[in-house]
Amino acid sequence: MEVLEEDLVKVILSKEDFEVALKEAGERLVAVDFSATWCRPCRSIKPLFRSLSTKHKDVVFLEVDADEACDFLFTKKDEG
């Protein structure tokens, strides 16, 4: 998991990163930005999301890059 220095957004690269971030968040509100580099609306909302992360330090901000975390996003839940 990568934390960007200029803000408080944690970049999620795997299912394990996501689970750890949620566990660490505890009872705090979690805001998740699912984005992709090729997605124009995703790129346009990124500055607002980062700005919110600096203003609302009581909220956990996560960014899941669909390009990097593709396998994690499209896994099926085990049934058994």
PDB file of N, CA and C in Angstrom:
ATOM      1  N   MET A   1       0.854  -1.168   0.000  1.00  0.00           N
ATOM      2  CA  MET A   1       0.000   0.000   0.000  1.00  0.00           C
ATOM      3  C   MET A   1       0.897   1.226   0.000  1.00  0.00           C
ATOM      4  N   GLU A   2       0.563   2.187  -0.822  1.00  0.00           N
ATOM      5  CA  GLU A   2       1.368   3.389  -0.976  1.00  0.00           C
ATOM      6  C   GLU A   2       0.585   4.589  -0.459  1.00  0.00           C
ATOM      7  N   VAL A   3       1.220   5.426   0.359  1.00  0.00           N
ATOM      8  CA  VAL A   3       0.587   6.657   0.833  1.00  0.00           C
ATOM      9  C   VAL A   3       1.279   7.814   0.140  1.00  0.00           C
ATOM     10  N   LEU A   4       0.498   8.614  -0.554  1.00  0.00           N
ATOM     11  CA  LEU A   4       1.058   9.753  -1.254  1.00  0.00           C
ATOM     12  C   LEU A   4       1.399  10.843  -0.252  1.00  0.00           C
ATOM     13  N   GLU A   5       2.591  11.421  -0.345  1.00  0.00           N
ATOM     14  CA  GLU A   5       3.062  12.374   0.648  1.00  0.00           C
ATOM     15  C   GLU A   5       2.272  13.667   0.666  1.00  0.00           C
ATOM     16  N   GLU A   6       1.819  14.144  -0.486  1.00  0.00           N
ATOM     17  CA  GLU A   6       1.153  15.435  -0.528  1.00  0.00           C
ATOM     18  C   GLU A   6      -0.272  15.388   0.004  1.00  0.00           C
ATOM     19  N   ASP A   7      -0.789  14.227   0.228  1.00  0.00           N
ATOM     20  CA  ASP A   7      -2.144  14.105   0.755  1.00  0.00           C
ATOM     21  C   ASP A   7      -2.266  12.837   1.584  1.00  0.00           C
ATOM     22  N   LEU A   8      -3.457  12.501   1.934  1.00  0.00           N
ATOM     23  CA  LEU A   8      -3.673  11.344   2.795  1.00  0.00           C
ATOM     24  C   LEU A   8      -4.366  10.197   2.073  1.00  0.00           C
ATOM     25  N   VAL A   9      -4.228  10.124   0.761  1.00  0.00           N
ATOM     26  CA  VAL A   9      -4.855   9.065  -0.021  1.00  0.00           C
ATOM     27  C   VAL A   9      -3.926   7.855  -0.058  1.00  0.00           C
ATOM     28  N   LYS A  10      -4.463   6.701   0.325  1.00  0.00           N
ATOM     29  CA  LYS A  10      -3.698   5.453   0.256  1.00  0.00           C
ATOM     30  C   LYS A  10      -4.033   4.775  -1.065  1.00  0.00           C
ATOM     31  N   VAL A  11      -3.007   4.456  -1.831  1.00  0.00           N
ATOM     32  CA  VAL A  11      -3.202   3.778  -3.107  1.00  0.00           C
ATOM     33  C   VAL A  11      -3.239   2.278  -2.847  1.00  0.00           C
ATOM     34  N   ILE A  12      -4.322   1.650  -3.262  1.00  0.00           N
ATOM     35  CA  ILE A  12      -4.539   0.221  -3.047  1.00  0.00           C
ATOM     36  C   ILE A  12      -4.140  -0.539  -4.308  1.00  0.00           C
ATOM     37  N   LEU A  13      -3.237  -1.505  -4.148  1.00  0.00           N
ATOM     38  CA  LEU A  13      -2.751  -2.269  -5.293  1.00  0.00           C
ATOM     39  C   LEU A  13      -3.149  -3.739  -5.253  1.00  0.00           C
ATOM     40  N   SER A  14      -3.748  -4.174  -4.146  1.00  0.00           N
ATOM     41  CA  SER A  14      -4.120  -5.586  -4.036  1.00  0.00           C
ATOM     42  C   SER A  14      -5.295  -5.748  -3.074  1.00  0.00           C
ATOM     43  N   LYS A  15      -5.869  -6.929  -3.111  1.00  0.00           N
ATOM     44  CA  LYS A  15      -6.955  -7.250  -2.191  1.00  0.00           C
ATOM     45  C   LYS A  15      -6.463  -7.170  -0.748  1.00  0.00           C
ATOM     46  N   GLU A  16      -5.243  -7.626  -0.522  1.00  0.00           N
ATOM     47  CA  GLU A  16      -4.673  -7.593   0.825  1.00  0.00           C
ATOM     48  C   GLU A  16      -4.526  -6.155   1.318  1.00  0.00           C
ATOM     49  N   ASP A  17      -4.051  -5.257   0.445  1.00  0.00           N
ATOM     50  CA  ASP A  17      -3.943  -3.835   0.804  1.00  0.00           C
ATOM     51  C   ASP A  17      -5.300  -3.282   1.213  1.00  0.00           C
ATOM     52  N   PHE A  18      -6.329  -3.642   0.446  1.00  0.00           N
ATOM     53  CA  PHE A  18      -7.676  -3.142   0.709  1.00  0.00           C
ATOM     54  C   PHE A  18      -8.177  -3.637   2.063  1.00  0.00           C
ATOM     55  N   GLU A  19      -7.990  -4.925   2.324  1.00  0.00           N
ATOM     56  CA  GLU A  19      -8.439  -5.499   3.595  1.00  0.00           C
ATOM     57  C   GLU A  19      -7.704  -4.877   4.780  1.00  0.00           C
ATOM     58  N   VAL A  20      -6.396  -4.656   4.641  1.00  0.00           N
ATOM     59  CA  VAL A  20      -5.612  -4.032   5.712  1.00  0.00           C
ATOM     60  C   VAL A  20      -6.098  -2.606   5.954  1.00  0.00           C
ATOM     61  N   ALA A  21      -6.319  -1.860   4.885  1.00  0.00           N
ATOM     62  CA  ALA A  21      -6.769  -0.471   5.020  1.00  0.00           C
ATOM     63  C   ALA A  21      -8.126  -0.400   5.711  1.00  0.00           C
ATOM     64  N   LEU A  22      -9.035  -1.299   5.364  1.00  0.00           N
ATOM     65  CA  LEU A  22     -10.353  -1.307   6.007  1.00  0.00           C
ATOM     66  C   LEU A  22     -10.237  -1.676   7.479  1.00  0.00           C
ATOM     67  N   LYS A  23      -9.388  -2.646   7.783  1.00  0.00           N
ATOM     68  CA  LYS A  23      -9.201  -3.046   9.181  1.00  0.00           C
ATOM     69  C   LYS A  23      -8.595  -1.904   9.990  1.00  0.00           C
ATOM     70  N   GLU A  24      -7.594  -1.228   9.426  1.00  0.00           N
ATOM     71  CA  GLU A  24      -6.953  -0.105  10.113  1.00  0.00           C
ATOM     72  C   GLU A  24      -7.908   1.070  10.304  1.00  0.00           C
ATOM     73  N   ALA A  25      -8.878   1.207   9.411  1.00  0.00           N
ATOM     74  CA  ALA A  25      -9.833   2.319   9.499  1.00  0.00           C
ATOM     75  C   ALA A  25     -10.730   2.189  10.717  1.00  0.00           C
ATOM     76  N   GLY A  26     -10.967   0.962  11.144  1.00  0.00           N
ATOM     77  CA  GLY A  26     -11.836   0.749  12.300  1.00  0.00           C
ATOM     78  C   GLY A  26     -13.230   1.292  12.049  1.00  0.00           C
ATOM     79  N   GLU A  27     -13.674   2.203  12.912  1.00  0.00           N
ATOM     80  CA  GLU A  27     -15.020   2.766  12.817  1.00  0.00           C
ATOM     81  C   GLU A  27     -15.072   4.047  11.982  1.00  0.00           C
ATOM     82  N   ARG A  28     -13.923   4.483  11.463  1.00  0.00           N
ATOM     83  CA  ARG A  28     -13.901   5.726  10.683  1.00  0.00           C
ATOM     84  C   ARG A  28     -14.542   5.529   9.313  1.00  0.00           C
ATOM     85  N   LEU A  29     -15.065   6.611   8.780  1.00  0.00           N
ATOM     86  CA  LEU A  29     -15.636   6.617   7.436  1.00  0.00           C
ATOM     87  C   LEU A  29     -14.529   6.363   6.422  1.00  0.00           C
ATOM     88  N   VAL A  30     -14.820   5.543   5.406  1.00  0.00           N
ATOM     89  CA  VAL A  30     -13.855   5.244   4.355  1.00  0.00           C
ATOM     90  C   VAL A  30     -14.435   5.701   3.019  1.00  0.00           C
ATOM     91  N   ALA A  31     -13.678   6.540   2.312  1.00  0.00           N
ATOM     92  CA  ALA A  31     -14.059   6.988   0.971  1.00  0.00           C
ATOM     93  C   ALA A  31     -13.130   6.306  -0.022  1.00  0.00           C
ATOM     94  N   VAL A  32     -13.718   5.633  -1.024  1.00  0.00           N
ATOM     95  CA  VAL A  32     -12.913   4.894  -1.992  1.00  0.00           C
ATOM     96  C   VAL A  32     -13.146   5.462  -3.385  1.00  0.00           C
ATOM     97  N   ASP A  33     -12.055   5.793  -4.053  1.00  0.00           N
ATOM     98  CA  ASP A  33     -12.096   6.266  -5.434  1.00  0.00           C
ATOM     99  C   ASP A  33     -11.598   5.129  -6.318  1.00  0.00           C
ATOM    100  N   PHE A  34     -12.506   4.534  -7.089  1.00  0.00           N
ATOM    101  CA  PHE A  34     -12.134   3.515  -8.062  1.00  0.00           C
ATOM    102  C   PHE A  34     -11.884   4.252  -9.369  1.00  0.00           C
ATOM    103  N   SER A  35     -10.664   4.146  -9.892  1.00  0.00           N
ATOM    104  CA  SER A  35     -10.330   4.936 -11.072  1.00  0.00           C
ATOM    105  C   SER A  35      -9.454   4.142 -12.028  1.00  0.00           C
ATOM    106  N   ALA A  36      -9.260   4.732 -13.208  1.00  0.00           N
ATOM    107  CA  ALA A  36      -8.369   4.160 -14.212  1.00  0.00           C
ATOM    108  C   ALA A  36      -7.720   5.315 -14.970  1.00  0.00           C
ATOM    109  N   THR A  37      -6.503   5.105 -15.405  1.00  0.00           N
ATOM    110  CA  THR A  37      -5.775   6.175 -16.079  1.00  0.00           C
ATOM    111  C   THR A  37      -6.431   6.589 -17.387  1.00  0.00           C
ATOM    112  N   TRP A  38      -7.121   5.682 -18.042  1.00  0.00           N
ATOM    113  CA  TRP A  38      -7.751   5.973 -19.322  1.00  0.00           C
ATOM    114  C   TRP A  38      -9.132   6.614 -19.175  1.00  0.00           C
ATOM    115  N   CYS A  39      -9.627   6.729 -17.957  1.00  0.00           N
ATOM    116  CA  CYS A  39     -10.979   7.243 -17.693  1.00  0.00           C
ATOM    117  C   CYS A  39     -10.929   8.755 -17.432  1.00  0.00           C
ATOM    118  N   ARG A  40     -11.444   9.539 -18.366  1.00  0.00           N
ATOM    119  CA  ARG A  40     -11.403  10.998 -18.228  1.00  0.00           C
ATOM    120  C   ARG A  40     -12.157  11.489 -16.993  1.00  0.00           C
ATOM    121  N   PRO A  41     -13.390  11.032 -16.703  1.00  0.00           N
ATOM    122  CA  PRO A  41     -14.069  11.479 -15.479  1.00  0.00           C
ATOM    123  C   PRO A  41     -13.291  11.102 -14.213  1.00  0.00           C
ATOM    124  N   CYS A  42     -12.636   9.948 -14.226  1.00  0.00           N
ATOM    125  CA  CYS A  42     -11.825   9.536 -13.068  1.00  0.00           C
ATOM    126  C   CYS A  42     -10.681  10.513 -12.842  1.00  0.00           C
ATOM    127  N   ARG A  43     -10.035  10.904 -13.924  1.00  0.00           N
ATOM    128  CA  ARG A  43      -8.919  11.858 -13.813  1.00  0.00           C
ATOM    129  C   ARG A  43      -9.412  13.221 -13.356  1.00  0.00           C
ATOM    130  N   SER A  44     -10.598  13.619 -13.787  1.00  0.00           N
ATOM    131  CA  SER A  44     -11.088  14.956 -13.437  1.00  0.00           C
ATOM    132  C   SER A  44     -11.512  15.049 -11.972  1.00  0.00           C
ATOM    133  N   ILE A  45     -11.943  13.953 -11.364  1.00  0.00           N
ATOM    134  CA  ILE A  45     -12.360  14.000  -9.957  1.00  0.00           C
ATOM    135  C   ILE A  45     -11.171  13.858  -8.999  1.00  0.00           C
ATOM    136  N   LYS A  46     -10.043  13.372  -9.495  1.00  0.00           N
ATOM    137  CA  LYS A  46      -8.878  13.115  -8.638  1.00  0.00           C
ATOM    138  C   LYS A  46      -8.433  14.336  -7.823  1.00  0.00           C
ATOM    139  N   PRO A  47      -8.324  15.547  -8.395  1.00  0.00           N
ATOM    140  CA  PRO A  47      -7.918  16.703  -7.575  1.00  0.00           C
ATOM    141  C   PRO A  47      -8.893  16.995  -6.430  1.00  0.00           C
ATOM    142  N   LEU A  48     -10.180  16.847  -6.676  1.00  0.00           N
ATOM    143  CA  LEU A  48     -11.175  17.063  -5.623  1.00  0.00           C
ATOM    144  C   LEU A  48     -11.012  16.016  -4.521  1.00  0.00           C
ATOM    145  N   PHE A  49     -10.841  14.772  -4.904  1.00  0.00           N
ATOM    146  CA  PHE A  49     -10.676  13.686  -3.933  1.00  0.00           C
ATOM    147  C   PHE A  49      -9.449  13.938  -3.057  1.00  0.00           C
ATOM    148  N   ARG A  50      -8.349  14.341  -3.676  1.00  0.00           N
ATOM    149  CA  ARG A  50      -7.122  14.634  -2.931  1.00  0.00           C
ATOM    150  C   ARG A  50      -7.316  15.835  -2.010  1.00  0.00           C
ATOM    151  N   SER A  51      -8.013  16.843  -2.488  1.00  0.00           N
ATOM    152  CA  SER A  51      -8.287  18.026  -1.669  1.00  0.00           C
ATOM    153  C   SER A  51      -9.120  17.655  -0.445  1.00  0.00           C
ATOM    154  N   LEU A  52     -10.115  16.816  -0.646  1.00  0.00           N
ATOM    155  CA  LEU A  52     -10.955  16.374   0.470  1.00  0.00           C
ATOM    156  C   LEU A  52     -10.135  15.605   1.501  1.00  0.00           C
ATOM    157  N   SER A  53      -9.151  14.850   1.029  1.00  0.00           N
ATOM    158  CA  SER A  53      -8.331  14.063   1.961  1.00  0.00           C
ATOM    159  C   SER A  53      -7.511  14.952   2.886  1.00  0.00           C
ATOM    160  N   THR A  54      -7.138  16.134   2.439  1.00  0.00           N
ATOM    161  CA  THR A  54      -6.366  17.037   3.297  1.00  0.00           C
ATOM    162  C   THR A  54      -7.266  17.813   4.249  1.00  0.00           C
ATOM    163  N   LYS A  55      -8.531  17.971   3.879  1.00  0.00           N
ATOM    164  CA  LYS A  55      -9.476  18.725   4.715  1.00  0.00           C
ATOM    165  C   LYS A  55     -10.164  17.855   5.758  1.00  0.00           C
ATOM    166  N   HIS A  56     -10.332  16.583   5.460  1.00  0.00           N
ATOM    167  CA  HIS A  56     -11.087  15.679   6.337  1.00  0.00           C
ATOM    168  C   HIS A  56     -10.173  14.558   6.820  1.00  0.00           C
ATOM    169  N   LYS A  57      -9.323  14.884   7.755  1.00  0.00           N
ATOM    170  CA  LYS A  57      -8.326  13.926   8.237  1.00  0.00           C
ATOM    171  C   LYS A  57      -8.935  12.804   9.081  1.00  0.00           C
ATOM    172  N   ASP A  58     -10.209  12.954   9.456  1.00  0.00           N
ATOM    173  CA  ASP A  58     -10.892  11.909  10.215  1.00  0.00           C
ATOM    174  C   ASP A  58     -11.470  10.831   9.298  1.00  0.00           C
ATOM    175  N   VAL A  59     -11.381  11.036   7.989  1.00  0.00           N
ATOM    176  CA  VAL A  59     -11.887  10.085   6.999  1.00  0.00           C
ATOM    177  C   VAL A  59     -10.690   9.387   6.358  1.00  0.00           C
ATOM    178  N   VAL A  60     -10.832   8.093   6.088  1.00  0.00           N
ATOM    179  CA  VAL A  60      -9.790   7.333   5.397  1.00  0.00           C
ATOM    180  C   VAL A  60     -10.096   7.384   3.901  1.00  0.00           C
ATOM    181  N   PHE A  61      -9.151   7.885   3.118  1.00  0.00           N
ATOM    182  CA  PHE A  61      -9.314   7.996   1.671  1.00  0.00           C
ATOM    183  C   PHE A  61      -8.456   6.944   0.985  1.00  0.00           C
ATOM    184  N   LEU A  62      -9.101   6.119   0.157  1.00  0.00           N
ATOM    185  CA  LEU A  62      -8.413   5.057  -0.572  1.00  0.00           C
ATOM    186  C   LEU A  62      -8.612   5.262  -2.063  1.00  0.00           C
ATOM    187  N   GLU A  63      -7.583   4.955  -2.825  1.00  0.00           N
ATOM    188  CA  GLU A  63      -7.674   5.008  -4.281  1.00  0.00           C
ATOM    189  C   GLU A  63      -7.342   3.630  -4.831  1.00  0.00           C
ATOM    190  N   VAL A  64      -8.283   3.049  -5.558  1.00  0.00           N
ATOM    191  CA  VAL A  64      -8.072   1.751  -6.189  1.00  0.00           C
ATOM    192  C   VAL A  64      -7.937   1.996  -7.684  1.00  0.00           C
ATOM    193  N   ASP A  65      -6.758   1.743  -8.214  1.00  0.00           N
ATOM    194  CA  ASP A  65      -6.494   1.919  -9.640  1.00  0.00           C
ATOM    195  C   ASP A  65      -6.926   0.643 -10.357  1.00  0.00           C
ATOM    196  N   ALA A  66      -7.927   0.762 -11.204  1.00  0.00           N
ATOM    197  CA  ALA A  66      -8.476  -0.405 -11.892  1.00  0.00           C
ATOM    198  C   ALA A  66      -7.444  -1.069 -12.799  1.00  0.00           C
ATOM    199  N   ASP A  67      -6.492  -0.292 -13.305  1.00  0.00           N
ATOM    200  CA  ASP A  67      -5.448  -0.869 -14.154  1.00  0.00           C
ATOM    201  C   ASP A  67      -4.494  -1.738 -13.342  1.00  0.00           C
ATOM    202  N   GLU A  68      -4.118  -1.271 -12.163  1.00  0.00           N
ATOM    203  CA  GLU A  68      -3.159  -1.981 -11.317  1.00  0.00           C
ATOM    204  C   GLU A  68      -3.801  -3.109 -10.512  1.00  0.00           C
ATOM    205  N   ALA A  69      -5.045  -2.923 -10.103  1.00  0.00           N
ATOM    206  CA  ALA A  69      -5.705  -3.872  -9.204  1.00  0.00           C
ATOM    207  C   ALA A  69      -6.798  -4.662  -9.918  1.00  0.00           C
ATOM    208  N   CYS A  70      -6.640  -4.855 -11.197  1.00  0.00           N
ATOM    209  CA  CYS A  70      -7.664  -5.514 -12.013  1.00  0.00           C
ATOM    210  C   CYS A  70      -8.055  -6.885 -11.462  1.00  0.00           C
ATOM    211  N   ASP A  71      -7.079  -7.705 -11.117  1.00  0.00           N
ATOM    212  CA  ASP A  71      -7.372  -9.050 -10.605  1.00  0.00           C
ATOM    213  C   ASP A  71      -8.182  -8.985  -9.318  1.00  0.00           C
ATOM    214  N   PHE A  72      -7.849  -8.061  -8.457  1.00  0.00           N
ATOM    215  CA  PHE A  72      -8.532  -7.890  -7.178  1.00  0.00           C
ATOM    216  C   PHE A  72      -9.979  -7.435  -7.382  1.00  0.00           C
ATOM    217  N   LEU A  73     -10.214  -6.595  -8.361  1.00  0.00           N
ATOM    218  CA  LEU A  73     -11.555  -6.053  -8.571  1.00  0.00           C
ATOM    219  C   LEU A  73     -12.529  -7.072  -9.134  1.00  0.00           C
ATOM    220  N   PHE A  74     -12.018  -8.027  -9.879  1.00  0.00           N
ATOM    221  CA  PHE A  74     -12.905  -8.945 -10.581  1.00  0.00           C
ATOM    222  C   PHE A  74     -12.801 -10.386 -10.109  1.00  0.00           C
ATOM    223  N   THR A  75     -12.510 -10.581  -8.825  1.00  0.00           N
ATOM    224  CA  THR A  75     -12.467 -11.934  -8.282  1.00  0.00           C
ATOM    225  C   THR A  75     -13.837 -12.314  -7.750  1.00  0.00           C
ATOM    226  N   LYS A  76     -14.157 -13.585  -7.875  1.00  0.00           N
ATOM    227  CA  LYS A  76     -15.433 -14.083  -7.364  1.00  0.00           C
ATOM    228  C   LYS A  76     -15.265 -14.513  -5.917  1.00  0.00           C
ATOM    229  N   LYS A  77     -16.315 -14.334  -5.146  1.00  0.00           N
ATOM    230  CA  LYS A  77     -16.308 -14.792  -3.762  1.00  0.00           C
ATOM    231  C   LYS A  77     -16.391 -16.317  -3.760  1.00  0.00           C
ATOM    232  N   ASP A  78     -15.543 -16.931  -2.931  1.00  0.00           N
ATOM    233  CA  ASP A  78     -15.571 -18.391  -2.817  1.00  0.00           C
ATOM    234  C   ASP A  78     -16.889 -18.834  -2.208  1.00  0.00           C
ATOM    235  N   GLU A  79     -17.474 -19.851  -2.798  1.00  0.00           N
ATOM    236  CA  GLU A  79     -18.705 -20.419  -2.255  1.00  0.00           C
ATOM    237  C   GLU A  79     -18.378 -21.824  -1.776  1.00  0.00           C
ATOM    238  N   GLY A  80     -18.621 -22.067  -0.529  1.00  0.00           N
ATOM    239  CA  GLY A  80     -18.294 -23.401  -0.079  1.00  0.00           C
ATOM    240  C   GLY A  80     -18.400 -23.545   1.311  1.00  0.00           C
TER     241      GLY A  80
END
